C-alpha cells in the first residue's frame, strides 16, 4: 500500500513545463480529427489541475462538443496520471491560430 501512495504522490508533482508538454501532445493527437470536421481546440491556460481550452471553428457550435471535451479530459487524466478539469472558455480564438 505504501508503494501505491508513493506513486500517487509522484504523479501529482509533474513539473509545469512537463504538464504543458503533455497537454499540448494530447491536443495535437486529437487535432486531425477536429480539423477534418472544420474545428479545432486551442490551449489557453493551465492553472494547477485546471486546463482551459477554447473550441474553435465548427466545434464551437457542434452538438457533440461536450462529448469531445469529455474524451480529451479522459485522455489527459490518463496521460498525466491525475485528475484534471478541462474547462472550455467561450469566444473566438486569437487571430493567427
Protein backbone atom coordinates (compact mmCIF):
# COMPACT_ATOMS: atom_id res chain seq x y z
CA UNK A 1 0.00 0.00 0.00
CA UNK A 2 2.81 2.45 0.80
CA UNK A 3 4.23 1.98 -2.68
CA UNK A 4 0.88 2.85 -4.24
CA UNK A 5 0.63 6.02 -2.16
CA UNK A 6 4.18 6.95 -3.15
CA UNK A 7 3.36 6.59 -6.85
CA UNK A 8 0.26 8.75 -6.41
CA UNK A 9 2.31 11.49 -4.76
CA UNK A 10 4.92 11.34 -7.51
CA UNK A 11 2.35 11.68 -10.28
CA UNK A 12 0.91 14.82 -8.73
CA UNK A 13 4.29 16.58 -8.80
CA UNK A 14 4.55 16.97 -12.56
CA UNK A 15 6.65 19.99 -13.43
CA UNK A 16 4.67 22.80 -15.12
CA UNK A 17 6.75 22.54 -18.32
CA UNK A 18 6.14 18.78 -18.49
CA UNK A 19 2.42 19.28 -17.81
CA UNK A 20 2.18 21.77 -20.67
CA UNK A 21 4.13 19.46 -22.99
CA UNK A 22 1.79 16.53 -22.20
CA UNK A 23 -1.36 18.64 -22.62
CA UNK A 24 -0.11 20.02 -25.94
CA UNK A 25 0.74 16.50 -27.13
CA UNK A 26 -2.76 15.25 -26.33
CA UNK A 27 -4.34 18.17 -28.18
CA UNK A 28 -2.02 17.55 -31.14
CA UNK A 29 -3.17 13.91 -31.22
CA UNK A 30 -6.86 14.80 -31.47
CA UNK A 31 -6.39 17.86 -33.68
CA UNK A 32 -6.54 15.98 -37.04
CA UNK A 33 -9.98 14.61 -36.18
CA UNK A 34 -11.24 18.04 -35.17
CA UNK A 35 -9.83 19.68 -38.28
CA UNK A 36 -11.44 17.07 -40.51
CA UNK A 37 -14.73 18.46 -39.23
CA UNK A 38 -13.54 22.09 -39.65
CA UNK A 39 -12.89 22.66 -35.96
CA UNK A 40 -10.03 22.83 -33.51
CA UNK A 41 -9.15 23.13 -29.83
CA UNK A 42 -6.53 25.54 -28.50
CA UNK A 43 -4.82 25.53 -25.13
CA UNK A 44 -5.44 28.82 -23.33
CA UNK A 45 -4.01 28.31 -19.84
CA UNK A 46 -3.01 25.70 -17.30
CA UNK A 47 -3.62 26.56 -13.65
CA UNK A 48 -2.76 23.59 -11.46
CA UNK A 49 -5.27 20.87 -12.27
CA UNK A 50 -7.45 23.24 -14.32
CA UNK A 51 -6.81 23.23 -18.06
CA UNK A 52 -8.56 25.97 -20.00
CA UNK A 53 -9.17 25.40 -23.70
CA UNK A 54 -11.13 27.12 -26.44
CA UNK A 55 -13.03 25.24 -29.11
CA UNK A 56 -12.85 26.95 -32.48
CA UNK A 57 -14.43 26.65 -35.91
CA UNK A 58 -17.24 24.16 -36.28
CA UNK A 59 -16.52 22.75 -32.80
CA UNK A 60 -17.96 25.92 -31.21
CA UNK A 61 -21.49 25.07 -32.31
CA UNK A 62 -21.27 21.28 -32.51
CA UNK A 63 -23.81 19.26 -30.55
CA UNK A 64 -21.06 16.75 -29.73
CA UNK A 65 -18.67 19.33 -28.24
CA UNK A 66 -19.39 18.05 -24.72
CA UNK A 67 -18.51 14.51 -25.76
CA UNK A 68 -15.32 15.74 -27.43
CA UNK A 69 -14.29 17.64 -24.30
CA UNK A 70 -15.02 14.61 -22.10
CA UNK A 71 -12.83 12.43 -24.34
CA UNK A 72 -10.00 14.98 -24.23
CA UNK A 73 -10.29 15.21 -20.44
CA UNK A 74 -10.20 11.41 -20.09
CA UNK A 75 -7.06 11.22 -22.24
CA UNK A 76 -5.43 14.00 -20.19
CA UNK A 77 -6.22 12.19 -16.93
CA UNK A 78 -4.72 9.01 -18.37
CA UNK A 79 -1.54 10.72 -19.60
CA UNK A 80 -0.98 12.93 -16.57
CA UNK A 81 -1.82 10.20 -14.07
CA UNK A 82 -4.02 12.52 -12.04
CA UNK A 83 -7.43 14.15 -12.20
CA UNK A 84 -7.60 17.37 -14.18
CA UNK A 85 -10.56 19.52 -15.05
CA UNK A 86 -10.89 20.61 -18.66
CA UNK A 87 -12.64 23.98 -18.79
CA UNK A 88 -13.95 25.23 -22.14
CA UNK A 89 -13.78 29.01 -22.50
CA UNK A 90 -16.22 30.92 -24.68
CA UNK A 91 -15.23 33.21 -27.52
CA UNK A 92 -13.30 33.15 -30.72
CA UNK A 93 -9.68 32.09 -30.96
CA UNK A 94 -6.89 34.63 -31.25
CA UNK A 95 -6.16 35.82 -34.77
CA UNK A 96 -3.37 33.84 -36.35
CA UNK A 97 -4.15 30.49 -34.69
